[in-house]
C-alpha atoms as a PDB file:
ATOM      1  CA  MET A   1       4.188  26.906   8.824  1.00  0.00           C
ATOM      2  CA  ALA A   2       5.990  25.908   5.633  1.00  0.00           C
ATOM      3  CA  ASN A   3       9.122  27.930   6.341  1.00  0.00           C
ATOM      4  CA  ARG A   4       9.809  26.395   9.727  1.00  0.00           C
ATOM      5  CA  ASN A   5      12.798  24.207  10.326  1.00  0.00           C
ATOM      6  CA  ARG A   6      11.724  20.559  10.216  1.00  0.00           C
ATOM      7  CA  ARG A   7      13.665  17.680  11.698  1.00  0.00           C
ATOM      8  CA  ASN A   8      13.580  14.208  10.213  1.00  0.00           C
ATOM      9  CA  ASN A   9      14.206  12.400  13.479  1.00  0.00           C
ATOM     10  CA  GLN A  10      11.051  12.297  15.586  1.00  0.00           C
ATOM     11  CA  GLN A  11      12.943  11.302  18.703  1.00  0.00           C
ATOM     12  CA  GLU A  12      15.121  14.397  18.326  1.00  0.00           C
ATOM     13  CA  ILE A  13      11.994  16.549  18.299  1.00  0.00           C
ATOM     14  CA  ASP A  14      10.744  14.917  21.490  1.00  0.00           C
ATOM     15  CA  ASP A  15      14.086  15.573  23.171  1.00  0.00           C
ATOM     16  CA  THR A  16      14.151  19.172  21.949  1.00  0.00           C
ATOM     17  CA  ILE A  17      10.773  20.198  23.394  1.00  0.00           C
ATOM     18  CA  SER A  18      11.379  19.796  27.095  1.00  0.00           C
ATOM     19  CA  TYR A  19       8.189  21.538  28.264  1.00  0.00           C
ATOM     20  CA  VAL A  20       5.209  23.621  27.158  1.00  0.00           C
ATOM     21  CA  GLN A  21       4.793  27.197  28.363  1.00  0.00           C
ATOM     22  CA  CYS A  22       1.229  28.455  28.102  1.00  0.00           C
ATOM     23  CA  ASP A  23       0.270  32.103  28.583  1.00  0.00           C
ATOM     24  CA  GLY A  24      -2.467  32.829  31.089  1.00  0.00           C
ATOM     25  CA  LEU A  25      -4.591  34.456  28.374  1.00  0.00           C
ATOM     26  CA  ALA A  26      -4.549  31.273  26.278  1.00  0.00           C
ATOM     27  CA  VAL A  27      -5.408  29.166  29.337  1.00  0.00           C
ATOM     28  CA  MET A  28      -8.382  31.372  30.214  1.00  0.00           C
ATOM     29  CA  LYS A  29      -9.650  31.225  26.618  1.00  0.00           C
ATOM     30  CA  MET A  30      -9.460  27.421  26.670  1.00  0.00           C
ATOM     31  CA  VAL A  31     -11.160  27.234  30.073  1.00  0.00           C
ATOM     32  CA  LYS A  32     -13.967  29.591  28.987  1.00  0.00           C
ATOM     33  CA  HIS A  33     -14.621  27.723  25.732  1.00  0.00           C
ATOM     34  CA  CYS A  34     -14.560  24.254  27.353  1.00  0.00           C
ATOM     35  CA  HIS A  35     -16.934  25.213  30.168  1.00  0.00           C
ATOM     36  CA  GLU A  36     -19.327  26.982  27.791  1.00  0.00           C
ATOM     37  CA  GLU A  37     -19.577  23.890  25.573  1.00  0.00           C
ATOM     38  CA  SER A  38     -19.933  21.610  28.600  1.00  0.00           C
ATOM     39  CA  LEU A  39     -22.749  23.660  30.141  1.00  0.00           C
ATOM     40  CA  SER A  40     -24.653  24.485  26.944  1.00  0.00           C
ATOM     41  CA  ASN A  41     -24.819  21.268  24.930  1.00  0.00           C
ATOM     42  CA  MET A  42     -22.442  18.797  26.671  1.00  0.00           C
ATOM     43  CA  GLU A  43     -20.264  18.590  23.556  1.00  0.00           C
ATOM     44  CA  VAL A  44     -16.506  18.197  23.354  1.00  0.00           C
ATOM     45  CA  ALA A  45     -14.822  21.573  22.874  1.00  0.00           C
ATOM     46  CA  GLN A  46     -11.899  21.743  20.450  1.00  0.00           C
ATOM     47  CA  GLY A  47      -9.698  24.551  19.199  1.00  0.00           C
ATOM     48  CA  ALA A  48      -6.346  25.517  17.688  1.00  0.00           C
ATOM     49  CA  LEU A  49      -3.205  26.460  19.627  1.00  0.00           C
ATOM     50  CA  LEU A  50      -0.938  29.230  18.359  1.00  0.00           C
ATOM     51  CA  GLY A  51       2.618  30.029  19.372  1.00  0.00           C
ATOM     52  CA  LEU A  52       6.209  29.171  18.481  1.00  0.00           C
ATOM     53  CA  VAL A  53       9.194  27.067  19.549  1.00  0.00           C
ATOM     54  CA  VAL A  54      11.911  28.920  21.492  1.00  0.00           C
ATOM     55  CA  ASP A  55      15.017  27.010  22.561  1.00  0.00           C
ATOM     56  CA  LYS A  56      13.733  23.933  24.389  1.00  0.00           C
ATOM     57  CA  LYS A  57      10.214  25.120  25.107  1.00  0.00           C
ATOM     58  CA  LEU A  58       7.015  25.297  23.099  1.00  0.00           C
ATOM     59  CA  GLU A  59       5.292  28.598  23.825  1.00  0.00           C
ATOM     60  CA  ILE A  60       1.500  28.737  23.479  1.00  0.00           C
ATOM     61  CA  THR A  61       0.526  32.388  23.334  1.00  0.00           C
ATOM     62  CA  ASN A  62      -2.993  32.296  21.894  1.00  0.00           C
ATOM     63  CA  CYS A  63      -5.805  30.002  20.773  1.00  0.00           C
ATOM     64  CA  PHE A  64      -9.203  30.055  19.093  1.00  0.00           C
ATOM     65  CA  PRO A  65     -12.108  27.554  18.998  1.00  0.00           C
ATOM     66  CA  PHE A  66     -12.991  25.378  16.043  1.00  0.00           C
ATOM     67  CA  PRO A  67     -16.429  25.907  14.461  1.00  0.00           C
ATOM     68  CA  LYS A  68     -19.161  23.625  15.737  1.00  0.00           C
ATOM     69  CA  SER A  69     -19.674  20.379  13.871  1.00  0.00           C
ATOM     70  CA  SER A  70     -23.366  21.231  13.382  1.00  0.00           C
ATOM     71  CA  ASP A  71     -22.434  24.176  11.155  1.00  0.00           C
ATOM     72  CA  GLU A  72     -22.152  22.406   7.779  1.00  0.00           C
ATOM     73  CA  THR A  73     -21.902  25.646   5.788  1.00  0.00           C
ATOM     74  CA  MET A  74     -18.439  26.480   7.157  1.00  0.00           C
ATOM     75  CA  ASP A  75     -15.236  24.816   5.951  1.00  0.00           C
ATOM     76  CA  GLU A  76     -13.075  24.123   9.011  1.00  0.00           C
ATOM     77  CA  GLU A  77      -9.732  24.347   7.222  1.00  0.00           C
ATOM     78  CA  GLU A  78     -10.618  27.625   5.515  1.00  0.00           C
ATOM     79  CA  TYR A  79     -11.868  28.981   8.862  1.00  0.00           C
ATOM     80  CA  GLN A  80      -8.548  28.199  10.561  1.00  0.00           C
ATOM     81  CA  LEU A  81      -6.521  29.791   7.767  1.00  0.00           C
ATOM     82  CA  ALA A  82      -8.697  32.911   7.868  1.00  0.00           C
ATOM     83  CA  MET A  83      -8.283  33.192  11.655  1.00  0.00           C
ATOM     84  CA  MET A  84      -4.487  32.863  11.437  1.00  0.00           C
ATOM     85  CA  ARG A  85      -4.327  35.488   8.674  1.00  0.00           C
ATOM     86  CA  ARG A  86      -6.331  37.941  10.780  1.00  0.00           C
ATOM     87  CA  LEU A  87      -4.189  37.312  13.862  1.00  0.00           C
ATOM     88  CA  ARG A  88      -1.068  37.902  11.802  1.00  0.00           C
ATOM     89  CA  ARG A  89      -2.384  41.303  10.717  1.00  0.00           C
ATOM     90  CA  VAL A  90      -2.701  42.424  14.352  1.00  0.00           C
ATOM     91  CA  ASN A  91       0.827  41.172  15.185  1.00  0.00           C
ATOM     92  CA  VAL A  92      -0.281  38.110  17.180  1.00  0.00           C
ATOM     93  CA  ASP A  93       1.600  34.809  17.011  1.00  0.00           C
ATOM     94  CA  HIS A  94      -0.109  32.931  14.188  1.00  0.00           C
ATOM     95  CA  PHE A  95       1.975  29.742  13.917  1.00  0.00           C
ATOM     96  CA  HIS A  96      -0.091  26.610  14.421  1.00  0.00           C
ATOM     97  CA  VAL A  97       1.487  24.490  17.200  1.00  0.00           C
ATOM     98  CA  GLY A  98      -1.298  22.045  18.021  1.00  0.00           C
ATOM     99  CA  TRP A  99      -4.843  21.858  19.314  1.00  0.00           C
ATOM    100  CA  TYR A 100      -6.800  21.516  22.538  1.00  0.00           C
ATOM    101  CA  GLN A 101      -9.781  19.436  23.601  1.00  0.00           C
ATOM    102  CA  SER A 102     -12.027  19.267  26.636  1.00  0.00           C
ATOM    103  CA  ALA A 103     -12.448  16.078  28.629  1.00  0.00           C
ATOM    104  CA  ASP A 104     -14.816  14.814  31.291  1.00  0.00           C
ATOM    105  CA  VAL A 105     -13.300  12.989  34.293  1.00  0.00           C
ATOM    106  CA  GLY A 106     -10.228  12.046  32.273  1.00  0.00           C
ATOM    107  CA  ASN A 107     -12.166  10.507  29.376  1.00  0.00           C
ATOM    108  CA  PHE A 108     -10.133  11.728  26.407  1.00  0.00           C
ATOM    109  CA  LEU A 109      -8.105   8.833  24.987  1.00  0.00           C
ATOM    110  CA  SER A 110      -9.936   7.656  21.868  1.00  0.00           C
ATOM    111  CA  LEU A 111      -9.373   6.644  18.261  1.00  0.00           C
ATOM    112  CA  PRO A 112     -10.380  10.088  16.810  1.00  0.00           C
ATOM    113  CA  LEU A 113      -7.924  11.838  19.152  1.00  0.00           C
ATOM    114  CA  LEU A 114      -5.150   9.426  18.164  1.00  0.00           C
ATOM    115  CA  GLU A 115      -5.803   9.967  14.449  1.00  0.00           C
ATOM    116  CA  SER A 116      -6.070  13.756  14.788  1.00  0.00           C
ATOM    117  CA  GLN A 117      -2.800  14.028  16.701  1.00  0.00           C
ATOM    118  CA  TYR A 118      -1.095  11.774  14.137  1.00  0.00           C
ATOM    119  CA  HIS A 119      -2.128  14.102  11.293  1.00  0.00           C
ATOM    120  CA  TYR A 120      -1.060  17.155  13.302  1.00  0.00           C
ATOM    121  CA  GLN A 121       2.295  15.728  14.316  1.00  0.00           C
ATOM    122  CA  THR A 122       3.194  14.454  10.846  1.00  0.00           C
ATOM    123  CA  SER A 123       2.453  17.856   9.288  1.00  0.00           C
ATOM    124  CA  ILE A 124       3.650  20.035  12.215  1.00  0.00           C
ATOM    125  CA  GLU A 125       6.288  18.066  14.091  1.00  0.00           C
ATOM    126  CA  GLU A 126       6.324  20.197  17.246  1.00  0.00           C
ATOM    127  CA  SER A 127       2.539  20.143  17.728  1.00  0.00           C
ATOM    128  CA  VAL A 128       0.913  19.022  20.974  1.00  0.00           C
ATOM    129  CA  VAL A 129      -2.614  18.310  22.138  1.00  0.00           C
ATOM    130  CA  VAL A 130      -3.679  19.986  25.381  1.00  0.00           C
ATOM    131  CA  ILE A 131      -6.406  18.254  27.388  1.00  0.00           C
ATOM    132  CA  TYR A 132      -8.513  20.286  29.835  1.00  0.00           C
ATOM    133  CA  ASP A 133     -10.711  18.368  32.285  1.00  0.00           C
ATOM    134  CA  THR A 134     -13.835  20.432  32.998  1.00  0.00           C
ATOM    135  CA  GLN A 135     -15.321  18.423  35.862  1.00  0.00           C
ATOM    136  CA  LYS A 136     -12.143  18.043  37.905  1.00  0.00           C
ATOM    137  CA  SER A 137     -11.254  21.708  37.389  1.00  0.00           C
ATOM    138  CA  ALA A 138     -14.725  22.731  38.565  1.00  0.00           C
ATOM    139  CA  ARG A 139     -13.979  20.877  41.825  1.00  0.00           C
ATOM    140  CA  GLY A 140     -10.780  22.806  42.444  1.00  0.00           C
ATOM    141  CA  PHE A 141      -8.238  20.603  40.638  1.00  0.00           C
ATOM    142  CA  LEU A 142      -6.900  22.495  37.612  1.00  0.00           C
ATOM    143  CA  THR A 143      -6.270  19.675  35.132  1.00  0.00           C
ATOM    144  CA  LEU A 144      -4.334  20.829  32.087  1.00  0.00           C
ATOM    145  CA  LYS A 145      -2.081  18.276  30.390  1.00  0.00           C
ATOM    146  CA  ALA A 146      -0.099  18.299  27.131  1.00  0.00           C
ATOM    147  CA  TYR A 147       0.532  15.126  25.107  1.00  0.00           C
ATOM    148  CA  ARG A 148       2.488  14.073  22.035  1.00  0.00           C
ATOM    149  CA  LEU A 149       2.536  10.813  20.104  1.00  0.00           C
ATOM    150  CA  THR A 150       5.625   8.687  20.655  1.00  0.00           C
ATOM    151  CA  PRO A 151       7.814   7.668  17.684  1.00  0.00           C
ATOM    152  CA  GLN A 152       6.514   4.080  18.064  1.00  0.00           C
ATOM    153  CA  ALA A 153       2.898   5.224  17.735  1.00  0.00           C
ATOM    154  CA  ILE A 154       3.713   7.289  14.630  1.00  0.00           C
ATOM    155  CA  ALA A 155       5.509   4.318  13.078  1.00  0.00           C
ATOM    156  CA  MET A 156       2.476   2.151  13.864  1.00  0.00           C
ATOM    157  CA  TYR A 157       0.152   4.523  12.009  1.00  0.00           C
ATOM    158  CA  LYS A 158       2.532   4.779   9.074  1.00  0.00           C
ATOM    159  CA  GLU A 159       2.549   0.981   8.802  1.00  0.00           C
ATOM    160  CA  GLY A 160      -1.253   0.955   8.933  1.00  0.00           C
ATOM    161  CA  GLU A 161      -1.424  -2.526  10.454  1.00  0.00           C
ATOM    162  CA  PHE A 162      -2.727  -3.120  13.954  1.00  0.00           C
ATOM    163  CA  THR A 163      -2.291  -6.880  14.190  1.00  0.00           C
ATOM    164  CA  PRO A 164      -0.676  -8.424  17.288  1.00  0.00           C
ATOM    165  CA  GLU A 165       2.448  -9.293  15.259  1.00  0.00           C
ATOM    166  CA  ALA A 166       2.833  -5.737  13.935  1.00  0.00           C
ATOM    167  CA  LEU A 167       2.398  -4.193  17.392  1.00  0.00           C
ATOM    168  CA  ARG A 168       4.852  -6.695  18.859  1.00  0.00           C
ATOM    169  CA  THR A 169       7.428  -5.878  16.177  1.00  0.00           C
ATOM    170  CA  LEU A 170       7.118  -2.116  16.761  1.00  0.00           C
ATOM    171  CA  LYS A 171       7.007  -2.639  20.554  1.00  0.00           C
ATOM    172  CA  VAL A 172       3.876  -0.512  20.861  1.00  0.00           C
ATOM    173  CA  GLY A 173       1.629  -0.745  23.908  1.00  0.00           C
ATOM    174  CA  TYR A 174      -0.892   1.451  25.683  1.00  0.00           C
ATOM    175  CA  GLU A 175       1.853   2.734  27.991  1.00  0.00           C
ATOM    176  CA  ASN A 176       3.871   4.267  25.121  1.00  0.00           C
ATOM    177  CA  LEU A 177       1.148   5.604  22.831  1.00  0.00           C
ATOM    178  CA  PHE A 178       1.419   9.143  24.202  1.00  0.00           C
ATOM    179  CA  LEU A 179       4.216  11.096  25.839  1.00  0.00           C
ATOM    180  CA  GLU A 180       3.122  13.629  28.448  1.00  0.00           C
ATOM    181  CA  VAL A 181       4.975  16.927  28.173  1.00  0.00           C
ATOM    182  CA  PRO A 182       5.258  19.113  31.297  1.00  0.00           C
ATOM    183  CA  ILE A 183       3.159  22.259  31.018  1.00  0.00           C
ATOM    184  CA  VAL A 184       3.615  25.509  32.935  1.00  0.00           C
ATOM    185  CA  ILE A 185       1.450  28.640  32.992  1.00  0.00           C
ATOM    186  CA  LYS A 186       3.159  32.007  32.589  1.00  0.00           C
ATOM    187  CA  ASN A 187       1.682  35.413  33.345  1.00  0.00           C
ATOM    188  CA  SER A 188       3.126  38.859  32.829  1.00  0.00           C
ATOM    189  CA  PRO A 189       4.312  40.854  35.896  1.00  0.00           C
ATOM    190  CA  LEU A 190       1.337  43.217  35.518  1.00  0.00           C
ATOM    191  CA  THR A 191      -1.059  40.256  35.561  1.00  0.00           C
ATOM    192  CA  ASN A 192       0.600  38.889  38.705  1.00  0.00           C
ATOM    193  CA  ILE A 193       0.259  42.302  40.388  1.00  0.00           C
ATOM    194  CA  MET A 194      -3.431  42.471  39.472  1.00  0.00           C
ATOM    195  CA  MET A 195      -4.028  38.928  40.774  1.00  0.00           C
ATOM    196  CA  SER A 196      -2.308  39.830  44.058  1.00  0.00           C
ATOM    197  CA  GLU A 197      -4.593  42.831  44.443  1.00  0.00           C
ATOM    198  CA  LEU A 198      -7.667  40.738  43.641  1.00  0.00           C
ATOM    199  CA  THR A 199      -6.608  38.171  46.242  1.00  0.00           C
ATOM    200  CA  GLU A 200      -6.609  40.866  48.921  1.00  0.00           C
ATOM    201  CA  MET A 201     -10.110  41.926  47.837  1.00  0.00           C
ATOM    202  CA  VAL A 202     -11.556  38.414  48.250  1.00  0.00           C
ATOM    203  CA  PRO A 203     -13.546  38.116  51.515  1.00  0.00           C
ATOM    204  CA  GLU A 204     -11.971  35.866  54.113  1.00  0.00           C
ATOM    205  CA  GLU A 205     -14.801  33.329  54.063  1.00  0.00           C
ATOM    206  CA  GLU A 206     -14.527  32.998  50.266  1.00  0.00           C
ATOM    207  CA  GLY A 207     -10.898  31.903  50.488  1.00  0.00           C
ATOM    208  CA  THR A 208     -11.705  28.565  52.118  1.00  0.00           C
ATOM    209  CA  HIS A 209     -13.551  27.033  49.160  1.00  0.00           C
ATOM    210  CA  PHE A 210     -10.440  25.148  48.112  1.00  0.00           C
ATOM    211  CA  LEU A 211     -10.953  22.969  51.211  1.00  0.00           C
ATOM    212  CA  ASP A 212     -14.330  21.778  49.935  1.00  0.00           C
ATOM    213  CA  LEU A 213     -14.679  18.063  50.697  1.00  0.00           C
ATOM    214  CA  GLY A 214     -17.557  17.488  48.269  1.00  0.00           C
ATOM    215  CA  THR A 215     -15.456  15.349  45.960  1.00  0.00           C
ATOM    216  CA  ALA A 216     -17.433  12.113  46.161  1.00  0.00           C
ATOM    217  CA  SER A 217     -19.294  12.798  42.901  1.00  0.00           C
ATOM    218  CA  VAL A 218     -16.049  13.192  40.926  1.00  0.00           C
ATOM    219  CA  LEU A 219     -14.622   9.991  42.385  1.00  0.00           C
ATOM    220  CA  GLU A 220     -17.890   8.173  41.695  1.00  0.00           C
ATOM    221  CA  ASN A 221     -17.854   9.274  38.041  1.00  0.00           C
ATOM    222  CA  HIS A 222     -14.256   8.128  37.714  1.00  0.00           C
ATOM    223  CA  LEU A 223     -15.142   4.695  39.076  1.00  0.00           C
ATOM    224  CA  ARG A 224     -18.222   4.388  36.833  1.00  0.00           C
ATOM    225  CA  CYS A 225     -16.185   5.257  33.734  1.00  0.00           C
ATOM    226  CA  LEU A 226     -13.475   2.842  34.859  1.00  0.00           C
ATOM    227  CA  MET A 227     -15.999   0.011  35.169  1.00  0.00           C
ATOM    228  CA  ASP A 228     -17.398   0.778  31.698  1.00  0.00           C
ATOM    229  CA  ARG A 229     -13.929   0.630  30.171  1.00  0.00           C
ATOM    230  CA  VAL A 230     -13.123  -2.614  31.986  1.00  0.00           C
ATOM    231  CA  ASP A 231     -16.331  -4.145  30.565  1.00  0.00           C
ATOM    232  CA  GLU A 232     -15.391  -2.924  27.090  1.00  0.00           C
ATOM    233  CA  LEU A 233     -11.905  -4.401  27.417  1.00  0.00           C
ATOM    234  CA  ASN A 234     -13.430  -7.680  28.572  1.00  0.00           C
ATOM    235  CA  GLN A 235     -15.603  -7.768  25.436  1.00  0.00           C
ATOM    236  CA  GLU A 236     -12.547  -7.128  23.255  1.00  0.00           C
ATOM    237  CA  ALA A 237     -10.676  -9.919  25.032  1.00  0.00           C
ATOM    238  CA  SER A 238     -13.625 -12.278  24.431  1.00  0.00           C
ATOM    239  CA  LYS A 239     -13.578 -11.429  20.703  1.00  0.00           C
ATOM    240  CA  PHE A 240      -9.855 -12.159  20.469  1.00  0.00           C
ATOM    241  CA  ASN A 241     -10.243 -15.421  22.414  1.00  0.00           C
ATOM    242  CA  LYS A 242     -12.986 -16.536  20.011  1.00  0.00           C
ATOM    243  CA  TYR A 243     -10.700 -15.701  17.084  1.00  0.00           C
ATOM    244  CA  GLN A 244      -7.907 -17.807  18.578  1.00  0.00           C
ATOM    245  CA  GLN A 245     -10.267 -20.727  19.184  1.00  0.00           C
ATOM    246  CA  THR A 246     -11.538 -20.490  15.605  1.00  0.00           C
ATOM    247  CA  VAL A 247      -7.962 -20.507  14.280  1.00  0.00           C
ATOM    248  CA  ILE A 248      -7.134 -23.593  16.369  1.00  0.00           C
ATOM    249  CA  ARG A 249     -10.229 -25.427  15.103  1.00  0.00           C
ATOM    250  CA  GLN A 250      -9.383 -24.468  11.526  1.00  0.00           C
ATOM    251  CA  GLU A 251      -5.809 -25.747  11.912  1.00  0.00           C
ATOM    252  CA  GLN A 252      -7.052 -29.003  13.396  1.00  0.00           C
ATOM    253  CA  GLU A 253      -9.528 -29.458  10.523  1.00  0.00           C
ATOM    254  CA  LYS A 254      -6.792 -28.603   8.009  1.00  0.00           C
ATOM    255  CA  HIS A 255      -4.401 -31.213   9.465  1.00  0.00           C
ATOM    256  CA  ARG A 256      -7.206 -33.792   9.460  1.00  0.00           C
ATOM    257  CA  MET A 257      -7.982 -33.083   5.796  1.00  0.00           C
ATOM    258  CA  LEU A 258      -4.294 -33.218   4.847  1.00  0.00           C
ATOM    259  CA  ALA A 259      -3.867 -36.563   6.612  1.00  0.00           C
ATOM    260  CA  LYS A 260      -6.965 -37.915   4.872  1.00  0.00           C
ATOM    261  CA  ASN A 261      -5.719 -36.598   1.539  1.00  0.00           C
ATOM    262  CA  ALA A 262      -2.340 -38.266   2.095  1.00  0.00           C
ATOM    263  CA  GLN A 263      -4.051 -41.634   2.644  1.00  0.00           C
ATOM    264  CA  GLU A 264      -6.211 -41.160  -0.452  1.00  0.00           C
ATOM    265  CA  ASN A 265      -3.188 -40.159  -2.529  1.00  0.00           C
ATOM    266  CA  ALA A 266      -1.336 -43.264  -1.398  1.00  0.00           C
ATOM    267  CA  ALA A 267      -4.295 -45.360  -2.585  1.00  0.00           C
ATOM    268  CA  ARG A 268      -4.435 -43.414  -5.871  1.00  0.00           C
ATOM    269  CA  ILE A 269      -0.721 -43.941  -6.516  1.00  0.00           C
ATOM    270  CA  ALA A 270      -1.130 -47.675  -5.818  1.00  0.00           C
ATOM    271  CA  LYS A 271      -3.883 -47.750  -8.454  1.00  0.00           C
ATOM    272  CA  GLY A 272      -1.784 -45.707 -10.859  1.00  0.00           C
ATOM    273  CA  GLU A 273      -4.053 -42.636 -10.614  1.00  0.00           C
ATOM    274  CA  GLN A 274      -3.013 -38.968 -10.364  1.00  0.00           C
ATOM    275  CA  PRO A 275      -2.743 -37.757  -6.689  1.00  0.00           C
ATOM    276  CA  VAL A 276      -4.661 -34.683  -5.465  1.00  0.00           C
ATOM    277  CA  PRO A 277      -2.178 -31.846  -4.696  1.00  0.00           C
ATOM    278  CA  GLU A 278      -2.114 -30.355  -1.200  1.00  0.00           C
ATOM    279  CA  GLU A 279      -2.681 -26.871  -2.645  1.00  0.00           C
ATOM    280  CA  GLU A 280      -6.316 -27.834  -3.299  1.00  0.00           C
ATOM    281  CA  ILE A 281      -6.746 -28.505   0.428  1.00  0.00           C
ATOM    282  CA  ASN A 282      -4.975 -25.291   1.439  1.00  0.00           C
ATOM    283  CA  LYS A 283      -7.303 -23.236  -0.778  1.00  0.00           C
ATOM    284  CA  GLN A 284     -10.271 -24.464   1.257  1.00  0.00           C
ATOM    285  CA  PHE A 285      -8.781 -23.025   4.461  1.00  0.00           C
ATOM    286  CA  ARG A 286      -8.102 -19.353   3.884  1.00  0.00           C
ATOM    287  CA  PRO A 287      -6.448 -17.377   6.728  1.00  0.00           C
ATOM    288  CA  LEU A 288      -8.992 -15.753   9.025  1.00  0.00           C
ATOM    289  CA  PRO A 289      -8.863 -11.946   9.351  1.00  0.00           C
ATOM    290  CA  VAL A 290      -7.100 -10.942  12.557  1.00  0.00           C
ATOM    291  CA  PRO A 291      -9.191  -8.557  14.708  1.00  0.00           C
ATOM    292  CA  PRO A 292      -7.388  -5.197  15.000  1.00  0.00           C
ATOM    293  CA  ARG A 293      -5.754  -4.597  18.374  1.00  0.00           C
ATOM    294  CA  LEU A 294      -5.759  -0.801  18.251  1.00  0.00           C
ATOM    295  CA  ASN A 295      -9.090  -0.315  20.036  1.00  0.00           C
ATOM    296  CA  PRO A 296      -8.216  -2.693  22.939  1.00  0.00           C
ATOM    297  CA  MET A 297      -4.906  -0.872  23.305  1.00  0.00           C
ATOM    298  CA  ILE A 298      -6.686   2.497  23.484  1.00  0.00           C
ATOM    299  CA  VAL A 299      -9.165   1.139  26.049  1.00  0.00           C
ATOM    300  CA  SER A 300      -6.260  -0.209  28.124  1.00  0.00           C
ATOM    301  CA  GLY A 301      -4.607   3.210  27.992  1.00  0.00           C
ATOM    302  CA  GLN A 302      -7.846   4.864  29.110  1.00  0.00           C
ATOM    303  CA  ILE A 303      -8.113   2.429  32.042  1.00  0.00           C
ATOM    304  CA  ASN A 304      -4.545   3.291  33.013  1.00  0.00           C
ATOM    305  CA  THR A 305      -5.392   7.010  32.819  1.00  0.00           C
ATOM    306  CA  TYR A 306      -8.452   6.551  35.047  1.00  0.00           C
ATOM    307  CA  ALA A 307      -6.374   4.633  37.580  1.00  0.00           C
ATOM    308  CA  GLN A 308      -3.767   7.410  37.692  1.00  0.00           C
ATOM    309  CA  HIS A 309      -6.416  10.116  38.068  1.00  0.00           C
ATOM    310  CA  ILE A 310      -8.167   8.211  40.850  1.00  0.00           C
ATOM    311  CA  SER A 311      -4.871   7.755  42.688  1.00  0.00           C
ATOM    312  CA  GLN A 312      -4.000  11.445  42.353  1.00  0.00           C
ATOM    313  CA  PHE A 313      -7.512  12.583  43.217  1.00  0.00           C
ATOM    314  CA  CYS A 314      -7.708  10.396  46.327  1.00  0.00           C
ATOM    315  CA  SER A 315      -4.324  11.580  47.598  1.00  0.00           C
ATOM    316  CA  GLN A 316      -5.376  15.223  47.225  1.00  0.00           C
ATOM    317  CA  SER A 317      -8.726  14.541  48.887  1.00  0.00           C
ATOM    318  CA  LEU A 318      -6.998  12.852  51.830  1.00  0.00           C
ATOM    319  CA  ALA A 319      -4.705  15.870  52.158  1.00  0.00           C
ATOM    320  CA  LYS A 320      -7.795  18.098  52.363  1.00  0.00           C
ATOM    321  CA  LEU A 321      -9.323  15.788  54.959  1.00  0.00           C
ATOM    322  CA  TYR A 322      -6.248  15.912  57.188  1.00  0.00           C
ATOM    323  CA  MET A 323      -6.026  19.698  56.852  1.00  0.00           C
ATOM    324  CA  THR A 324      -9.669  20.240  57.786  1.00  0.00           C
ATOM    325  CA  GLN A 325      -9.332  17.745  60.643  1.00  0.00           C
ATOM    326  CA  ALA A 326      -6.395  19.729  62.043  1.00  0.00           C
ATOM    327  CA  ILE A 327      -8.305  23.009  61.668  1.00  0.00           C
ATOM    328  CA  GLN A 328     -11.374  21.552  63.350  1.00  0.00           C
ATOM    329  CA  GLY A 329      -9.232  20.202  66.180  1.00  0.00           C
ATOM    330  CA  ALA A 330      -7.625  23.621  66.689  1.00  0.00           C
ATOM    331  CA  LYS A 331     -11.064  25.296  66.761  1.00  0.00           C
ATOM    332  CA  GLU A 332     -12.385  22.850  69.353  1.00  0.00           C
ATOM    333  CA  SER A 333      -9.293  23.275  71.515  1.00  0.00           C
ATOM    334  CA  LYS A 334      -9.621  27.072  71.380  1.00  0.00           C
ATOM    335  CA  HIS A 335     -13.335  26.806  72.229  1.00  0.00           C
ATOM    336  CA  HIS A 336     -12.609  24.660  75.320  1.00  0.00           C
ATOM    337  CA  GLN A 337      -9.982  27.144  76.511  1.00  0.00           C
ATOM    338  CA  GLN A 338     -12.445  30.019  76.209  1.00  0.00           C
ATOM    339  CA  ILE A 339     -15.040  28.103  78.257  1.00  0.00           C
ATOM    340  CA  GLN A 340     -12.549  27.381  81.003  1.00  0.00           C
END
């Protein structure tokens, strides 16, 4: 990792990596790990991505899971280094190019993910995070997306301030926290030949499962999660509104005290006494701490993600509905012709 060419301009890196190419083997390893964790203990599955940068594409050729958080006897960093050393010995790509994480109905955008990707991207500039949605994929919608932090988000974390003024200066919002990188899956010619042979071996009735219309549960979970995030955003908005009201009351009280002090000072000067400086009044009204705006921004981004997933999911479900309606109509027409 240390001997790779690093670029100082983050925007140049984003322009250089035009898409992510993931080998079928790496995809299957991610899918297997994510579904095993989801079925066994409902935990989030995470792992390392290995590969290299070639021209304008980031190739992901292998991956391995991180140790479970419950195993306190194992050092995660030492485990990753040991795995990469062993893969190097067997002539497998061992360069660290990012990490992957499982998600449930699009629920992946969070503060830990943002912090983890920041540390990855500042140490390995070409790194990405790949999100695999277990529930949507189980319903026939393979959901595999790659993300990178935008230069604005990296600058925000380097500043370390999440006040409204800082975010406004950096022009950071939920819509430009992450940059989605196109991802394609590549298989070898031999794998494609084997898959073609397996397709011919699948019974005819088994090949219609992709038209399953039982998608109401996925849509319902999306809407439930969306409502929870909207409630959370409403609570954050209430906190910020209370802060603004408190600041206004404090300013009003400060102006009242300054006006009163000015009158008293005028009386003191008339009597030949020493006036009370305004700094004594200002010390009584210290600036209130501004509530950080990072969490509301993340929640807003998650709401936007849910809305996009619901829109995409509904459009695909409607396409299934129209297809099955046409097939059913053709069957009924053929049945009537046979009767006649």
